[in-house]
Protein backbone atom coordinates (compact mmCIF):
# COMPACT_ATOMS: atom_id res chain seq x y z
CA UNK A 1 -0.15 0.16 -0.27
CA UNK A 2 1.49 3.59 -0.68
CA UNK A 3 1.65 5.42 2.43
CA UNK A 4 -0.84 8.17 1.76
CA UNK A 5 -0.09 10.62 5.11
CA UNK A 6 2.23 10.26 7.65
CA UNK A 7 2.73 10.64 11.47
CA UNK A 8 6.02 11.31 13.96
CA UNK A 9 5.96 8.57 16.59
CA UNK A 10 7.51 10.38 19.42
CA UNK A 11 10.87 8.72 20.72
CA UNK A 12 10.22 6.99 23.81
CA UNK A 13 12.50 7.81 26.90
CA UNK A 14 13.76 5.40 29.00
CA UNK A 15 11.06 3.60 31.44
CA UNK A 16 11.16 1.22 33.72
CA UNK A 17 9.51 -1.64 32.36
CA UNK A 18 6.18 -2.59 32.61
CA UNK A 19 4.03 -5.96 32.82
CA UNK A 20 1.42 -6.05 29.79
CA UNK A 21 -0.89 -8.77 29.32
CA UNK A 22 -2.11 -9.25 26.05
CA UNK A 23 -5.75 -11.43 26.99
CA UNK A 24 -6.90 -12.75 24.18
CA UNK A 25 -9.36 -15.70 22.66
CA UNK A 26 -12.65 -15.72 24.06
CA UNK A 27 -15.65 -18.33 23.99
CA UNK A 28 -17.44 -16.68 20.95
CA UNK A 29 -16.41 -18.05 16.74
CA UNK A 30 -14.45 -15.06 16.80
CA UNK A 31 -11.83 -16.65 18.98
CA UNK A 32 -10.04 -18.27 16.10
CA UNK A 33 -9.32 -14.38 14.82
CA UNK A 34 -8.40 -12.84 17.87
CA UNK A 35 -5.72 -15.71 18.74
CA UNK A 36 -4.34 -14.72 15.67
CA UNK A 37 -4.78 -11.10 16.68
CA UNK A 38 -3.41 -11.94 20.35
CA UNK A 39 0.01 -13.87 19.20
CA UNK A 40 0.77 -10.85 16.30
CA UNK A 41 0.41 -8.23 19.31
CA UNK A 42 2.86 -10.56 21.38
CA UNK A 43 5.57 -10.83 18.62
CA UNK A 44 5.16 -6.82 18.26
CA UNK A 45 5.75 -6.19 22.13
CA UNK A 46 8.53 -4.17 22.25
CA UNK A 47 10.31 -6.37 25.26
CA UNK A 48 12.94 -3.91 26.19
CA UNK A 49 10.19 -1.90 27.49
CA UNK A 50 7.89 -4.68 28.40
CA UNK A 51 7.03 -7.93 30.66
CA UNK A 52 4.24 -9.20 28.38
CA UNK A 53 2.57 -12.14 29.64
CA UNK A 54 -0.34 -14.38 27.38
CA UNK A 55 -3.74 -14.30 28.96
CA UNK A 56 -6.41 -16.92 26.86
CA UNK A 57 -9.11 -18.97 27.56
CA UNK A 58 -9.59 -22.47 28.67
CA UNK A 59 -13.48 -24.01 28.87
CA UNK A 60 -14.47 -20.72 30.12
CA UNK A 61 -11.95 -19.61 32.58
CA UNK A 62 -9.55 -17.10 32.40
CA UNK A 63 -5.62 -18.16 32.64
CA UNK A 64 -1.76 -17.20 32.18
CA UNK A 65 0.56 -19.52 29.76
CA UNK A 66 4.07 -19.02 30.91
CA UNK A 67 6.79 -21.18 30.22
CA UNK A 68 3.83 -23.77 28.27
CA UNK A 69 2.11 -24.08 31.91
CA UNK A 70 -1.45 -22.63 33.16
CA UNK A 71 -2.19 -20.34 35.92
CA UNK A 72 -5.84 -19.36 36.96
CA UNK A 73 -5.85 -15.73 36.71
CA UNK A 74 -7.59 -14.32 40.13
CA UNK A 75 -10.20 -11.41 38.85
CA UNK A 76 -10.20 -9.87 42.03
CA UNK A 77 -6.78 -8.23 40.95
CA UNK A 78 -6.61 -10.10 37.32
CA UNK A 79 -3.36 -11.30 38.75
CA UNK A 80 -1.85 -15.52 38.66
CA UNK A 81 0.81 -17.03 41.22
CA UNK A 82 3.60 -18.89 40.10
CA UNK A 83 5.04 -21.46 41.59
CA UNK A 84 7.32 -20.65 44.12
CA UNK A 85 4.54 -18.44 45.25
CA UNK A 86 5.07 -14.98 43.50
CA UNK A 87 1.84 -12.52 42.28
CA UNK A 88 1.95 -11.30 39.28
CA UNK A 89 -0.07 -7.79 38.20
CA UNK A 90 -0.57 -6.45 35.44
CA UNK A 91 0.64 -2.43 34.53
CA UNK A 92 -1.74 -2.57 31.91
CA UNK A 93 -3.91 -5.26 29.65
CA UNK A 94 -4.30 -5.11 26.15
CA UNK A 95 -7.48 -6.96 24.96
CA UNK A 96 -7.18 -8.58 21.32
CA UNK A 97 -10.04 -10.63 22.24
CA UNK A 98 -13.46 -10.45 19.69
CA UNK A 99 -16.50 -10.76 20.10
CA UNK A 100 -17.78 -11.87 23.68
CA UNK A 101 -15.96 -10.72 26.39
CA UNK A 102 -13.86 -8.85 24.82
CA UNK A 103 -15.51 -6.26 22.42
CA UNK A 104 -19.15 -6.43 24.48
CA UNK A 105 -17.25 -4.64 27.15
CA UNK A 106 -17.55 -7.48 30.07
CA UNK A 107 -13.65 -7.57 30.54
CA UNK A 108 -13.46 -3.72 30.75
CA UNK A 109 -16.49 -3.29 33.37
CA UNK A 110 -13.91 -6.09 35.65
CA UNK A 111 -10.76 -3.82 34.38
CA UNK A 112 -12.59 -0.70 35.37
CA UNK A 113 -13.95 -2.33 38.38
CA UNK A 114 -10.42 -3.55 39.71
CA UNK A 115 -8.90 0.16 38.03
CA UNK A 116 -6.53 -1.30 35.87
CA UNK A 117 -5.75 0.52 32.69
CA UNK A 118 -6.33 -1.25 29.47
CA UNK A 119 -6.33 -1.39 25.41
CA UNK A 120 -10.59 -0.04 24.18
CA UNK A 121 -13.20 2.64 24.61
CA UNK A 122 -15.19 2.24 28.23
CA UNK A 123 -17.98 -0.33 29.17
CA UNK A 124 -20.53 1.44 27.74
CA UNK A 125 -19.41 2.72 24.41
CA UNK A 126 -18.00 -1.60 24.20
CA UNK A 127 -21.64 -2.50 24.98
CA UNK A 128 -23.33 -0.21 22.35
CA UNK A 129 -21.06 -0.47 19.44
CA UNK A 130 -20.88 -4.33 19.83
CA UNK A 131 -24.61 -4.76 20.00
CA UNK A 132 -25.42 -3.54 15.86
CA UNK A 133 -28.89 -2.72 16.38
CA UNK A 134 -27.64 -0.47 19.35
CA UNK A 135 -25.30 1.46 17.39
CA UNK A 136 -27.63 1.83 14.70
CA UNK A 137 -30.21 3.23 16.53
CA UNK A 138 -27.54 5.60 18.76
CA UNK A 139 -25.93 6.57 15.42
CA UNK A 140 -29.46 7.77 14.18
CA UNK A 141 -29.99 9.32 17.18
CA UNK A 142 -27.07 11.50 16.98
CA UNK A 143 -28.18 12.52 12.83
CA UNK A 144 -26.23 10.36 11.10
CA UNK A 145 -27.11 8.11 8.24
CA UNK A 146 -27.59 4.11 8.28
CA UNK A 147 -29.78 1.84 6.38
CA UNK A 148 -33.05 1.58 6.76
CA UNK A 149 -33.28 -1.62 9.12
CA UNK A 150 -35.65 -3.79 10.92
CA UNK A 151 -35.81 -5.59 14.40
CA UNK A 152 -35.99 -8.66 15.10
CA UNK A 153 -36.26 -10.62 18.65
CA UNK A 154 -38.42 -13.55 18.13
CA UNK A 155 -38.76 -16.82 15.82
CA UNK A 156 -42.75 -15.48 15.87
CA UNK A 157 -41.50 -12.96 13.00
CA UNK A 158 -43.73 -11.64 10.15
CA UNK A 159 -41.48 -12.85 6.72
CA UNK A 160 -44.33 -11.13 4.30
CA UNK A 161 -43.78 -7.90 6.94
CA UNK A 162 -40.33 -7.71 6.95
CA UNK A 163 -40.54 -7.66 2.84
CA UNK A 164 -42.86 -5.19 3.19
CA UNK A 165 -40.90 -2.58 5.47
CA UNK A 166 -37.73 -3.16 3.59
CA UNK A 167 -37.13 -3.91 0.09
CA UNK A 168 -34.82 -6.78 -1.14
CA UNK A 169 -32.48 -6.79 -1.30
CA UNK A 170 -31.39 -7.34 1.90
CA UNK A 171 -29.05 -8.16 5.23
CA UNK A 172 -29.38 -10.53 7.98
CA UNK A 173 -26.95 -9.76 10.75
CA UNK A 174 -27.03 -11.56 13.88
CA UNK A 175 -26.89 -8.36 16.68
CA UNK A 176 -23.93 -10.05 19.12
CA UNK A 177 -21.75 -10.70 15.98
CA UNK A 178 -18.64 -9.38 14.75
CA UNK A 179 -16.18 -10.85 12.04
CA UNK A 180 -19.29 -11.27 9.54
CA UNK A 181 -20.31 -14.39 11.93
CA UNK A 182 -24.20 -14.15 10.52
CA UNK A 183 -24.22 -12.35 8.26
CA UNK A 184 -26.33 -12.90 4.80
CA UNK A 185 -27.36 -11.11 1.80
CA UNK A 186 -30.99 -11.96 1.09
CA UNK A 187 -32.19 -11.65 -2.61
CA UNK A 188 -35.79 -13.70 -2.56
CA UNK A 189 -38.81 -13.72 1.19
CA UNK A 190 -37.87 -17.61 0.71
CA UNK A 191 -34.29 -17.06 0.75
CA UNK A 192 -34.91 -14.27 3.92
CA UNK A 193 -36.74 -16.54 5.67
CA UNK A 194 -34.36 -19.69 5.09
CA UNK A 195 -31.58 -16.51 7.15
CA UNK A 196 -33.31 -15.57 9.47
CA UNK A 197 -34.50 -19.11 10.76
CA UNK A 198 -30.29 -20.24 10.18
CA UNK A 199 -29.17 -16.49 11.95
CA UNK A 200 -31.78 -17.23 15.35
CA UNK A 201 -29.85 -20.56 15.70
CA UNK A 202 -26.32 -18.10 16.79
CA UNK A 203 -27.94 -14.87 18.14
CA UNK A 204 -31.40 -14.54 19.71
CA UNK A 205 -31.19 -10.91 18.14
CA UNK A 206 -31.55 -10.17 14.38
CA UNK A 207 -31.27 -6.66 12.44
CA UNK A 208 -32.33 -6.75 8.89
CA UNK A 209 -30.27 -3.97 6.73
CA UNK A 210 -31.44 -2.02 3.25
CA UNK A 211 -28.67 -3.07 0.88
CA UNK A 212 -26.78 0.47 -0.29
CA UNK A 213 -24.80 0.50 -3.57
CA UNK A 214 -22.37 2.75 -3.74
CA UNK A 215 -18.66 3.02 -2.83
CA UNK A 216 -17.60 0.95 1.02
CA UNK A 217 -15.06 2.90 2.83
CA UNK A 218 -12.99 1.84 5.70
CA UNK A 219 -10.85 3.93 8.48
CA UNK A 220 -9.22 3.93 11.41
CA UNK A 221 -9.52 6.42 14.21
CA UNK A 222 -7.59 6.60 17.79
CA UNK A 223 -5.58 9.55 19.66
CA UNK A 224 -2.02 9.27 19.95
CA UNK A 225 0.16 11.69 21.77
CA UNK A 226 -2.67 14.03 22.26
CA UNK A 227 -3.57 13.87 18.76
CA UNK A 228 -6.48 12.38 16.70
CA UNK A 229 -4.99 9.75 14.42
CA UNK A 230 -6.97 9.28 11.07
CA UNK A 231 -5.74 6.42 8.50
CA UNK A 232 -6.74 6.82 4.81
CA UNK A 233 -9.64 5.97 4.02
CA UNK A 234 -9.39 2.40 2.93
CA UNK A 235 -11.75 -0.09 -0.12
CA UNK A 236 -11.23 -3.35 -0.61
CA UNK A 237 -12.17 -4.85 -3.68
CA UNK A 238 -14.69 -6.81 -3.35
CA UNK A 239 -15.37 -6.92 -7.84
CA UNK A 240 -12.23 -8.13 -8.70
CA UNK A 241 -12.69 -11.30 -6.43
CA UNK A 242 -16.02 -11.84 -7.92
CA UNK A 243 -17.77 -11.59 -4.02
CA UNK A 244 -21.02 -10.39 -3.80
CA UNK A 245 -19.71 -8.67 0.14
CA UNK A 246 -17.34 -9.32 2.45
CA UNK A 247 -19.08 -12.86 4.42
CA UNK A 248 -16.64 -14.45 7.00
CA UNK A 249 -16.41 -16.91 4.59
CA UNK A 250 -14.78 -14.69 2.36
CA UNK A 251 -12.38 -13.32 5.72
CA UNK A 252 -11.20 -16.70 6.57
CA UNK A 253 -10.45 -18.41 3.14
CA UNK A 254 -7.32 -17.45 2.59
CA UNK A 255 -7.54 -18.23 -1.61
CA UNK A 256 -10.21 -15.11 -2.70
CA UNK A 257 -6.96 -12.91 -1.75
CA UNK A 258 -9.66 -10.22 -0.51
CA UNK A 259 -6.90 -6.96 -1.20
CA UNK A 260 -7.21 -3.58 1.30
CA UNK A 261 -6.25 -0.75 -1.36
CA UNK A 262 -5.54 3.71 0.07
CA UNK A 263 -8.50 4.69 -1.63
CA UNK A 264 -8.70 7.01 -4.76
CA UNK A 265 -10.19 9.83 -3.80
CA UNK A 266 -10.39 13.48 -5.04
CA UNK A 267 -9.56 15.87 -1.79
CA UNK A 268 -13.15 16.72 -1.55
CA UNK A 269 -14.30 13.76 -1.11
CA UNK A 270 -11.26 13.11 1.15
CA UNK A 271 -12.46 16.03 3.42
CA UNK A 272 -16.24 14.77 3.53
CA UNK A 273 -14.93 11.30 4.07
CA UNK A 274 -12.92 12.94 7.27
CA UNK A 275 -15.57 15.26 8.75
CA UNK A 276 -17.43 11.99 8.87
CA UNK A 277 -15.24 9.99 10.61
CA UNK A 278 -14.50 12.74 13.17
CA UNK A 279 -18.31 12.78 13.56
CA UNK A 280 -18.29 9.53 15.36
CA UNK A 281 -15.28 10.03 16.98
CA UNK A 282 -16.55 13.08 19.03
CA UNK A 283 -20.11 11.66 19.10
CA UNK A 284 -17.84 8.52 21.55
CA UNK A 285 -16.32 11.01 23.39
CA UNK A 286 -13.12 10.43 21.74
CA UNK A 287 -12.59 7.40 22.79
CA UNK A 288 -10.05 4.66 22.02
CA UNK A 289 -9.03 3.22 18.63
CA UNK A 290 -12.49 2.63 16.24
CA UNK A 291 -12.17 0.26 12.61
CA UNK A 292 -15.60 2.64 10.81
CA UNK A 293 -16.80 1.02 7.64
CA UNK A 294 -19.27 3.56 5.90
CA UNK A 295 -21.27 3.87 2.79
CA UNK A 296 -21.30 6.68 -0.18
CA UNK A 297 -24.91 6.10 -0.97
CA UNK A 298 -25.21 6.91 -4.59
CA UNK A 299 -28.21 7.47 -4.68
CA UNK A 300 -27.99 10.41 -2.18
CA UNK A 301 -24.36 10.97 -2.29
CA UNK A 302 -24.15 11.02 1.67
CA UNK A 303 -22.69 8.76 4.01
CA UNK A 304 -24.00 5.58 6.22
CA UNK A 305 -22.99 4.45 8.50
CA UNK A 306 -22.11 0.66 8.53
CA UNK A 307 -20.44 -0.98 11.14
CA UNK A 308 -17.68 0.88 13.80
CA UNK A 309 -15.11 -1.63 15.72
CA UNK A 310 -13.71 -1.31 18.79
CA UNK A 311 -11.11 -3.91 18.80
CA UNK A 312 -10.20 -4.09 15.25
CA UNK A 313 -8.42 -7.83 14.29
CA UNK A 314 -4.31 -6.78 14.53
CA UNK A 315 -3.54 -10.29 13.05
CA UNK A 316 -0.62 -10.39 9.86
CA UNK A 317 -3.85 -10.82 7.64
CA UNK A 318 -5.87 -8.03 8.94
CA UNK A 319 -7.43 -4.90 8.11
CA UNK A 320 -6.30 -2.82 10.25
CA UNK A 321 -2.41 -3.51 10.84
CA UNK A 322 -2.57 -2.96 6.75
CA UNK A 323 -3.84 0.49 7.87
CA UNK A 324 -1.24 1.67 9.70
CA UNK A 325 0.96 0.96 7.37
CA UNK A 326 -0.62 2.73 4.80
CA UNK A 327 -0.43 5.89 7.32
CA UNK A 328 3.40 5.67 7.95
CA UNK A 329 3.25 4.46 11.13
CA UNK A 330 4.43 0.48 12.16
CA UNK A 331 2.57 -1.82 14.14
CA UNK A 332 5.20 -1.79 16.81
CA UNK A 333 5.46 1.52 17.21
CA UNK A 334 1.66 1.85 17.36
CA UNK A 335 1.12 -0.36 20.70
CA UNK A 336 4.26 1.25 22.04
CA UNK A 337 2.53 4.73 22.35
CA UNK A 338 -0.71 3.71 23.14
CA UNK A 339 0.36 1.30 25.95
CA UNK A 340 2.20 4.41 27.21
CA UNK A 341 0.30 6.99 26.73
CA UNK A 342 -3.11 4.64 27.88
CA UNK A 343 -1.23 4.29 31.62
CA UNK A 344 0.09 8.06 31.92
CA UNK A 345 -3.96 9.08 31.51
CA UNK A 346 -4.75 6.33 33.48
CA UNK A 347 -2.01 6.66 36.28
CA UNK A 348 -3.12 10.88 35.93
CA UNK A 349 -7.00 10.20 36.45
CA UNK A 350 -6.23 8.11 40.15
């Protein structure tokens, strides 16, 4: 990818080593993606600055893996005790759990209760943005364009009423899953009915969204060294790969080779995109890291929010590290600066 702009990274001064707990895995269908993210993060953390510990999930129990041994995490202070009775507590928790319990606010709420700095937006914003229907409603209330939608939370839905309310084709999405799990595009009433039944098996809440035709963009935004950083707006080249939309199967199918490229746009469109992304970031209090997916509707030339990801994928194949690269920021630099600023901010607040 060609760098669209560059961000200056401030030099790191000599600091005592901090204990960083990288929490990955989880117990949702997104766990395999989360494991790859966690391992990539660990490989890119600066061991001259940080003592790094792997924290993952074994049979729904949170454990530290250290020298191929497993130690139970004490949730009272998120510590673990080694065989020689040494209690290891974190200075910072880097959440790389996609889906529950990392992206839905549960881990964030725990860390807030025990006063631990962590990587993410706060628990309330995590829960709000993770739930697709709640997020759409919140955005709409703040004058952000969203697709026409219909909410289902019962098996006794009326497929005729749905097809009358939302014109086909439309998307059927599980409300509480990421990585496009439980996302399908229906072109007929029969197909829609089957997709809804299938999705209700993995989530008791569904949002139906009208398909919008236009250019779809993705963009990262975060705060680094007191300044808001926006990555170049990028596009996933789906048409070239004969893909109608980026399903979970397409994301994990290496043969699809989905290409992410910096969007070829003029200056006026770039300014409009940045204004749109900044508005959404401000709407959530300029918190944490967000990767926004949105589309420029060809019918009215307005931007429509599709999804907000507050713990974006961090594996080598993921979009966010590629976006950092396009910004002239290495993944290692991003992690280092983010951790140090979050710790400093936390200490200042307490």
